[in-house]
Every structure is written in C-alpha cells, then in structure tokens.
C-alpha cells in the first residue's frame, strides 16, 4: 500500500465508526417502528388522545392543553426514530462512497476516471 493510500484510509477511518453506528441505529429504529406491537401501541395511544381531546369540555383549557401536549410528545417520539432512519440512510451512502474511493485508490484510478499521480490524495 502506498503512502497516498494510507493517508486516504486514515482520512476516512476517523469517520467510519460514527457512520457505522448511525447505520446500525437506523436498522434498529426501522425494526422498532416496523414492529406490529409498537405500531398498534402508537395507533392506540393516538386514538385515545384524540378521543380524550374530542370528549374534553370546551372550558377545560388545562385538560385540552395536556392532551395536546401528549399528542405532540407522541409525534416527537415517532419523528426521533424517523430521523434516525434518515441519518442512517445517509451514513450508509457515505460508507458506500468511502468504499468506492478506496477501491479506486487501490486500482490507481482517480475519482474522475484518470490515472492517479504518485502523490495524489483521494
């Protein structure tokens, strides 16, 4: 392995553990949100909160505010895992790009298709 290859590998090696962690978390988040029991629980909670909101007296400001807060927290909970999934997709794409760059460096081909000069960094 040439010095340029080692430098390129070192450059990308620093970010790989975090990218792998994000990709793995995305997989777990997707499994969680895809679990039928979790989906049913979230749907039941939402339905119960909406029913409580509709059943609240018009002058029950505190009760209405509390139920709205519960609905917002439920949305926040789901969005947290959806964001993890999106972050993991981006991390996976980045890991694929790093693998392609390394593969091209080993083959001696620059990212843009030409031959690499001896000191070129990828």
Protein backbone atom coordinates (compact mmCIF):
# COMPACT_ATOMS: atom_id res chain seq x y z
CA UNK A 1 0.00 0.00 0.00
CA UNK A 2 1.40 3.40 -0.96
CA UNK A 3 1.67 6.40 1.35
CA UNK A 4 -1.19 8.09 -0.51
CA UNK A 5 -3.41 5.04 0.08
CA UNK A 6 -2.57 5.03 3.79
CA UNK A 7 -3.31 8.76 4.08
CA UNK A 8 -6.65 8.31 2.30
CA UNK A 9 -7.53 5.37 4.52
CA UNK A 10 -6.60 7.33 7.64
CA UNK A 11 -8.65 10.31 6.44
CA UNK A 12 -11.81 8.22 6.15
CA UNK A 13 -11.12 5.84 9.04
CA UNK A 14 -11.84 8.58 11.57
CA UNK A 15 -15.46 8.99 10.48
CA UNK A 16 -16.26 5.33 9.84
CA UNK A 17 -17.10 4.28 13.42
CA UNK A 18 -19.74 7.02 13.71
CA UNK A 19 -21.17 6.21 10.29
CA UNK A 20 -21.39 2.52 11.15
CA UNK A 21 -23.08 3.39 14.46
CA UNK A 22 -25.63 5.61 12.67
CA UNK A 23 -26.32 2.91 10.09
CA UNK A 24 -26.82 0.28 12.83
CA UNK A 25 -29.09 2.59 14.85
CA UNK A 26 -31.18 3.21 11.74
CA UNK A 27 -31.64 -0.51 11.29
CA UNK A 28 -32.80 -0.87 14.91
CA UNK A 29 -35.13 2.15 14.60
CA UNK A 30 -36.65 0.72 11.43
CA UNK A 31 -37.19 -2.64 13.14
CA UNK A 32 -38.80 -0.88 16.12
CA UNK A 33 -41.18 1.27 14.06
CA UNK A 34 -41.98 -1.72 11.85
CA UNK A 35 -42.86 -3.95 14.81
CA UNK A 36 -46.62 -4.65 14.76
CA UNK A 37 -46.94 -4.39 18.55
CA UNK A 38 -45.25 -0.99 18.59
CA UNK A 39 -47.34 0.22 15.64
CA UNK A 40 -50.52 -0.92 17.36
CA UNK A 41 -49.50 0.74 20.63
CA UNK A 42 -48.73 4.05 18.92
CA UNK A 43 -52.02 3.95 17.00
CA UNK A 44 -53.97 3.12 20.17
CA UNK A 45 -52.29 5.93 22.09
CA UNK A 46 -53.03 8.42 19.33
CA UNK A 47 -56.66 7.28 19.10
CA UNK A 48 -57.07 7.55 22.89
CA UNK A 49 -55.55 11.03 22.96
CA UNK A 50 -57.77 12.23 20.11
CA UNK A 51 -60.84 10.73 21.81
CA UNK A 52 -59.90 12.50 25.05
CA UNK A 53 -59.44 15.75 23.16
CA UNK A 54 -62.85 15.44 21.50
CA UNK A 55 -64.51 14.48 24.79
CA UNK A 56 -62.99 17.40 26.72
CA UNK A 57 -65.30 20.18 27.80
CA UNK A 58 -64.85 23.39 25.85
CA UNK A 59 -63.90 25.27 29.01
CA UNK A 60 -61.34 22.65 30.13
CA UNK A 61 -58.30 24.60 28.94
CA UNK A 62 -55.88 22.72 31.16
CA UNK A 63 -57.18 19.29 30.10
CA UNK A 64 -57.12 20.22 26.41
CA UNK A 65 -53.61 21.60 26.77
CA UNK A 66 -52.45 18.41 28.50
CA UNK A 67 -53.85 16.13 25.79
CA UNK A 68 -52.35 18.32 23.05
CA UNK A 69 -49.00 18.04 24.82
CA UNK A 70 -49.33 14.23 24.88
CA UNK A 71 -50.09 14.20 21.15
CA UNK A 72 -47.07 16.41 20.49
CA UNK A 73 -44.85 14.10 22.55
CA UNK A 74 -46.10 11.09 20.61
CA UNK A 75 -45.24 12.88 17.35
CA UNK A 76 -41.80 13.77 18.73
CA UNK A 77 -41.21 10.15 19.71
CA UNK A 78 -42.01 8.88 16.22
CA UNK A 79 -40.08 11.65 14.46
CA UNK A 80 -37.00 10.86 16.56
CA UNK A 81 -36.85 7.35 15.15
CA UNK A 82 -37.73 8.50 11.63
CA UNK A 83 -34.81 10.96 11.82
CA UNK A 84 -32.52 8.15 12.95
CA UNK A 85 -33.59 6.15 9.90
CA UNK A 86 -32.84 9.06 7.55
CA UNK A 87 -29.47 9.68 9.20
CA UNK A 88 -28.65 6.00 8.83
CA UNK A 89 -29.51 6.07 5.12
CA UNK A 90 -27.12 9.00 4.63
CA UNK A 91 -24.44 7.23 6.68
CA UNK A 92 -24.83 4.11 4.55
CA UNK A 93 -24.47 6.16 1.36
CA UNK A 94 -21.32 7.80 2.78
CA UNK A 95 -19.87 4.41 3.67
CA UNK A 96 -20.53 3.26 0.10
CA UNK A 97 -18.75 6.33 -1.28
CA UNK A 98 -15.76 5.74 1.01
CA UNK A 99 -15.60 2.12 -0.15
CA UNK A 100 -15.68 3.25 -3.79
CA UNK A 101 -12.95 5.83 -3.21
CA UNK A 102 -10.75 3.25 -1.53
CA UNK A 103 -11.40 0.74 -4.28
CA UNK A 104 -10.42 3.27 -6.93
CA UNK A 105 -7.32 4.25 -4.95
CA UNK A 106 -6.22 0.62 -4.79
CA UNK A 107 -6.81 0.32 -8.54
CA UNK A 108 -4.80 3.52 -9.14
CA UNK A 109 -7.74 5.35 -10.72
CA UNK A 110 -8.74 8.83 -9.56
CA UNK A 111 -12.34 9.58 -8.66
CA UNK A 112 -12.75 11.35 -12.00
CA UNK A 113 -11.59 8.39 -14.07
CA UNK A 114 -7.99 9.29 -14.93
CA UNK A 115 -4.80 7.73 -13.69
CA UNK A 116 -3.62 8.95 -10.28
CA UNK A 117 -0.28 10.61 -9.95
CA UNK A 118 2.00 9.05 -7.30
CA UNK A 119 1.31 11.80 -4.71
CA UNK A 120 -2.40 12.29 -5.39
CA UNK A 121 -4.72 12.01 -2.40
CA UNK A 122 -8.25 10.78 -2.80
